[in-house]
Amino acid sequence: VDVASVLSERIFGAPLKARYSASDQSLLGRRVDLEDEGTQPVILLLSRAAELIFTPEQGKTVELYPMFEYAWLPPEQRRRASWQPTVI
């Protein structure tokens, strides 16, 4: 959502309207609620952001285990995880 918001700002001159909140059930510890006003193609922005982040190639896979490992750790131990999330 952060990357899609940057794309939205660049293309449409306004970031995505999103509310973030903490969540123990979310993979990276935060929940995102998008406000849908129908003025921006949110799905296309999110799809493009996923392509930029994961750079998928035909016949190859994206390894997500490090991200799940990070999410499974108690919050106080996450700084020692082998993988750290990056905000773009």
N, C-alpha and C. Protein backbone atom coordinates (compact mmCIF):
# COMPACT_ATOMS: atom_id res chain seq x y z
N VAL A 1 0.83 -1.19 0.00
CA VAL A 1 0.00 0.00 0.00
C VAL A 1 0.88 1.25 0.00
N ASP A 2 2.00 1.20 0.71
CA ASP A 2 2.90 2.36 0.73
C ASP A 2 3.43 2.65 -0.68
N VAL A 3 3.85 1.60 -1.39
CA VAL A 3 4.37 1.78 -2.75
C VAL A 3 3.26 2.25 -3.68
N ALA A 4 2.07 1.66 -3.56
CA ALA A 4 0.93 2.07 -4.39
C ALA A 4 0.57 3.53 -4.12
N SER A 5 0.70 3.97 -2.89
CA SER A 5 0.41 5.35 -2.54
C SER A 5 1.41 6.31 -3.19
N VAL A 6 2.68 5.91 -3.21
CA VAL A 6 3.70 6.72 -3.89
C VAL A 6 3.39 6.80 -5.39
N LEU A 7 3.01 5.67 -5.98
CA LEU A 7 2.64 5.67 -7.40
C LEU A 7 1.44 6.59 -7.65
N SER A 8 0.45 6.51 -6.79
CA SER A 8 -0.74 7.35 -6.91
C SER A 8 -0.37 8.83 -6.85
N GLU A 9 0.51 9.16 -5.93
CA GLU A 9 0.95 10.55 -5.80
C GLU A 9 1.66 11.01 -7.07
N ARG A 10 2.50 10.15 -7.60
CA ARG A 10 3.27 10.48 -8.80
C ARG A 10 2.34 10.63 -10.02
N ILE A 11 1.36 9.73 -10.15
CA ILE A 11 0.50 9.71 -11.34
C ILE A 11 -0.67 10.68 -11.23
N PHE A 12 -1.35 10.65 -10.07
CA PHE A 12 -2.58 11.42 -9.91
C PHE A 12 -2.44 12.67 -9.04
N GLY A 13 -1.26 12.85 -8.45
CA GLY A 13 -1.04 14.03 -7.63
C GLY A 13 -1.60 13.93 -6.22
N ALA A 14 -2.02 12.72 -5.81
CA ALA A 14 -2.56 12.54 -4.46
C ALA A 14 -2.29 11.11 -4.00
N PRO A 15 -1.87 10.92 -2.75
CA PRO A 15 -1.64 9.57 -2.25
C PRO A 15 -2.96 8.83 -2.06
N LEU A 16 -2.88 7.51 -1.91
CA LEU A 16 -4.07 6.74 -1.57
C LEU A 16 -4.53 7.15 -0.18
N LYS A 17 -5.82 7.18 0.01
CA LYS A 17 -6.35 7.48 1.33
C LYS A 17 -6.44 6.18 2.10
N ALA A 18 -5.52 6.02 3.03
CA ALA A 18 -5.43 4.77 3.80
C ALA A 18 -5.29 5.08 5.27
N ARG A 19 -5.91 4.24 6.08
CA ARG A 19 -5.77 4.33 7.54
C ARG A 19 -5.01 3.09 7.99
N TYR A 20 -3.97 3.29 8.77
CA TYR A 20 -3.16 2.19 9.29
C TYR A 20 -3.46 2.03 10.78
N SER A 21 -3.51 0.78 11.21
CA SER A 21 -3.68 0.51 12.63
C SER A 21 -2.92 -0.76 12.98
N ALA A 22 -2.51 -0.87 14.23
CA ALA A 22 -1.78 -2.06 14.68
C ALA A 22 -2.72 -3.27 14.66
N SER A 23 -2.15 -4.43 14.34
CA SER A 23 -2.94 -5.65 14.31
C SER A 23 -2.05 -6.86 14.56
N ASP A 24 -2.38 -7.63 15.57
CA ASP A 24 -1.63 -8.86 15.85
C ASP A 24 -1.90 -9.94 14.81
N GLN A 25 -2.97 -9.81 14.04
CA GLN A 25 -3.34 -10.82 13.06
C GLN A 25 -2.77 -10.53 11.68
N SER A 26 -2.16 -9.40 11.49
CA SER A 26 -1.58 -9.04 10.19
C SER A 26 -0.16 -9.53 10.10
N LEU A 27 0.25 -9.87 8.89
CA LEU A 27 1.58 -10.42 8.67
C LEU A 27 2.68 -9.49 9.16
N LEU A 28 2.58 -8.22 8.86
CA LEU A 28 3.62 -7.26 9.26
C LEU A 28 3.19 -6.41 10.45
N GLY A 29 2.11 -6.80 11.11
CA GLY A 29 1.72 -6.12 12.34
C GLY A 29 0.89 -4.87 12.17
N ARG A 30 0.42 -4.60 10.95
CA ARG A 30 -0.46 -3.46 10.79
C ARG A 30 -1.56 -3.76 9.78
N ARG A 31 -2.70 -3.20 10.06
CA ARG A 31 -3.88 -3.36 9.20
C ARG A 31 -4.02 -2.08 8.37
N VAL A 32 -4.46 -2.23 7.14
CA VAL A 32 -4.67 -1.08 6.26
C VAL A 32 -6.11 -1.07 5.79
N ASP A 33 -6.77 0.05 6.00
CA ASP A 33 -8.12 0.26 5.48
C ASP A 33 -8.05 1.35 4.43
N LEU A 34 -8.47 1.01 3.21
CA LEU A 34 -8.45 1.98 2.12
C LEU A 34 -9.82 2.62 1.98
N GLU A 35 -9.82 3.93 1.79
CA GLU A 35 -11.07 4.64 1.52
C GLU A 35 -11.30 4.58 0.02
N ASP A 36 -12.44 4.03 -0.38
CA ASP A 36 -12.74 3.90 -1.81
C ASP A 36 -13.66 5.02 -2.25
N GLU A 37 -13.09 5.94 -3.00
CA GLU A 37 -13.89 7.04 -3.53
C GLU A 37 -14.13 6.86 -5.01
N GLY A 38 -13.57 5.81 -5.60
CA GLY A 38 -13.76 5.58 -7.01
C GLY A 38 -13.03 6.54 -7.93
N THR A 39 -12.14 7.36 -7.35
CA THR A 39 -11.43 8.35 -8.18
C THR A 39 -10.09 7.83 -8.68
N GLN A 40 -9.60 6.77 -8.10
CA GLN A 40 -8.31 6.22 -8.51
C GLN A 40 -8.44 4.71 -8.70
N PRO A 41 -7.77 4.16 -9.68
CA PRO A 41 -7.82 2.70 -9.91
C PRO A 41 -6.95 1.97 -8.88
N VAL A 42 -7.46 1.81 -7.67
CA VAL A 42 -6.69 1.28 -6.55
C VAL A 42 -6.13 -0.12 -6.85
N ILE A 43 -6.94 -0.99 -7.43
CA ILE A 43 -6.48 -2.35 -7.72
C ILE A 43 -5.29 -2.33 -8.67
N LEU A 44 -5.34 -1.48 -9.68
CA LEU A 44 -4.21 -1.39 -10.62
C LEU A 44 -2.96 -0.86 -9.92
N LEU A 45 -3.14 0.11 -9.05
CA LEU A 45 -1.99 0.65 -8.31
C LEU A 45 -1.39 -0.41 -7.40
N LEU A 46 -2.23 -1.18 -6.70
CA LEU A 46 -1.74 -2.24 -5.81
C LEU A 46 -1.07 -3.36 -6.62
N SER A 47 -1.63 -3.71 -7.77
CA SER A 47 -1.03 -4.74 -8.62
C SER A 47 0.34 -4.31 -9.11
N ARG A 48 0.44 -3.07 -9.56
CA ARG A 48 1.73 -2.56 -10.05
C ARG A 48 2.75 -2.50 -8.91
N ALA A 49 2.31 -2.11 -7.74
CA ALA A 49 3.22 -2.07 -6.58
C ALA A 49 3.75 -3.47 -6.29
N ALA A 50 2.89 -4.49 -6.35
CA ALA A 50 3.34 -5.87 -6.11
C ALA A 50 4.35 -6.30 -7.16
N GLU A 51 4.13 -5.90 -8.40
CA GLU A 51 5.10 -6.23 -9.46
C GLU A 51 6.45 -5.57 -9.17
N LEU A 52 6.43 -4.32 -8.75
CA LEU A 52 7.68 -3.62 -8.46
C LEU A 52 8.42 -4.23 -7.27
N ILE A 53 7.67 -4.66 -6.26
CA ILE A 53 8.29 -5.22 -5.05
C ILE A 53 8.85 -6.62 -5.31
N PHE A 54 8.04 -7.48 -5.94
CA PHE A 54 8.43 -8.88 -6.08
C PHE A 54 9.10 -9.19 -7.41
N THR A 55 9.05 -8.29 -8.37
CA THR A 55 9.60 -8.49 -9.71
C THR A 55 9.44 -9.93 -10.20
N PRO A 56 8.19 -10.38 -10.36
CA PRO A 56 7.97 -11.76 -10.78
C PRO A 56 8.48 -12.02 -12.19
N GLU A 57 9.00 -13.22 -12.38
CA GLU A 57 9.45 -13.66 -13.69
C GLU A 57 8.85 -15.03 -13.95
N GLN A 58 8.48 -15.27 -15.19
CA GLN A 58 7.88 -16.55 -15.53
C GLN A 58 8.84 -17.69 -15.20
N GLY A 59 8.31 -18.71 -14.53
CA GLY A 59 9.10 -19.89 -14.18
C GLY A 59 9.91 -19.74 -12.90
N LYS A 60 9.79 -18.61 -12.20
CA LYS A 60 10.53 -18.40 -10.96
C LYS A 60 9.54 -18.21 -9.81
N THR A 61 10.02 -18.35 -8.59
CA THR A 61 9.16 -18.20 -7.43
C THR A 61 9.68 -17.07 -6.55
N VAL A 62 8.80 -16.57 -5.70
CA VAL A 62 9.15 -15.54 -4.72
C VAL A 62 9.20 -16.23 -3.36
N GLU A 63 10.31 -16.12 -2.67
CA GLU A 63 10.48 -16.76 -1.37
C GLU A 63 9.91 -15.86 -0.28
N LEU A 64 8.82 -16.30 0.34
CA LEU A 64 8.17 -15.50 1.37
C LEU A 64 8.46 -15.98 2.78
N TYR A 65 9.17 -17.09 2.94
CA TYR A 65 9.39 -17.63 4.28
C TYR A 65 10.02 -16.60 5.24
N PRO A 66 11.04 -15.85 4.82
CA PRO A 66 11.62 -14.88 5.77
C PRO A 66 10.60 -13.89 6.32
N MET A 67 9.64 -13.48 5.49
CA MET A 67 8.62 -12.56 5.95
C MET A 67 7.71 -13.23 6.98
N PHE A 68 7.35 -14.50 6.74
CA PHE A 68 6.52 -15.22 7.71
C PHE A 68 7.30 -15.47 9.00
N GLU A 69 8.59 -15.78 8.88
CA GLU A 69 9.43 -15.97 10.06
C GLU A 69 9.40 -14.71 10.92
N TYR A 70 9.54 -13.56 10.29
CA TYR A 70 9.51 -12.29 10.99
C TYR A 70 8.18 -12.11 11.72
N ALA A 71 7.07 -12.41 11.04
CA ALA A 71 5.74 -12.23 11.62
C ALA A 71 5.49 -13.16 12.80
N TRP A 72 6.10 -14.34 12.79
CA TRP A 72 5.89 -15.31 13.87
C TRP A 72 6.66 -14.95 15.14
N LEU A 73 7.69 -14.15 15.01
CA LEU A 73 8.47 -13.78 16.18
C LEU A 73 7.69 -12.82 17.08
N PRO A 74 7.87 -12.93 18.38
CA PRO A 74 7.26 -11.93 19.27
C PRO A 74 7.84 -10.55 18.92
N PRO A 75 7.04 -9.50 19.05
CA PRO A 75 7.50 -8.16 18.67
C PRO A 75 8.85 -7.76 19.26
N GLU A 76 9.11 -8.14 20.51
CA GLU A 76 10.38 -7.74 21.13
C GLU A 76 11.60 -8.45 20.53
N GLN A 77 11.40 -9.51 19.75
CA GLN A 77 12.52 -10.24 19.14
C GLN A 77 12.69 -9.93 17.65
N ARG A 78 11.83 -9.13 17.08
CA ARG A 78 11.84 -8.90 15.63
C ARG A 78 13.07 -8.15 15.14
N ARG A 79 13.70 -7.38 16.00
CA ARG A 79 14.92 -6.67 15.56
C ARG A 79 16.06 -7.64 15.27
N ARG A 80 15.98 -8.84 15.81
CA ARG A 80 17.03 -9.84 15.59
C ARG A 80 16.69 -10.78 14.43
N ALA A 81 15.56 -10.57 13.75
CA ALA A 81 15.15 -11.46 12.66
C ALA A 81 16.12 -11.36 11.49
N SER A 82 16.20 -12.42 10.72
CA SER A 82 17.10 -12.43 9.56
C SER A 82 16.59 -11.51 8.46
N TRP A 83 15.31 -11.20 8.49
CA TRP A 83 14.71 -10.35 7.48
C TRP A 83 14.04 -9.17 8.16
N GLN A 84 14.25 -8.00 7.65
CA GLN A 84 13.63 -6.80 8.19
C GLN A 84 12.79 -6.15 7.10
N PRO A 85 11.56 -5.72 7.43
CA PRO A 85 10.73 -5.06 6.40
C PRO A 85 11.33 -3.71 6.03
N THR A 86 11.09 -3.31 4.81
CA THR A 86 11.57 -2.04 4.30
C THR A 86 10.39 -1.20 3.88
N VAL A 87 10.33 0.03 4.32
CA VAL A 87 9.29 0.95 3.88
C VAL A 87 9.85 1.76 2.74
N ILE A 88 9.13 1.77 1.65
CA ILE A 88 9.60 2.48 0.45
C ILE A 88 8.91 3.81 0.34
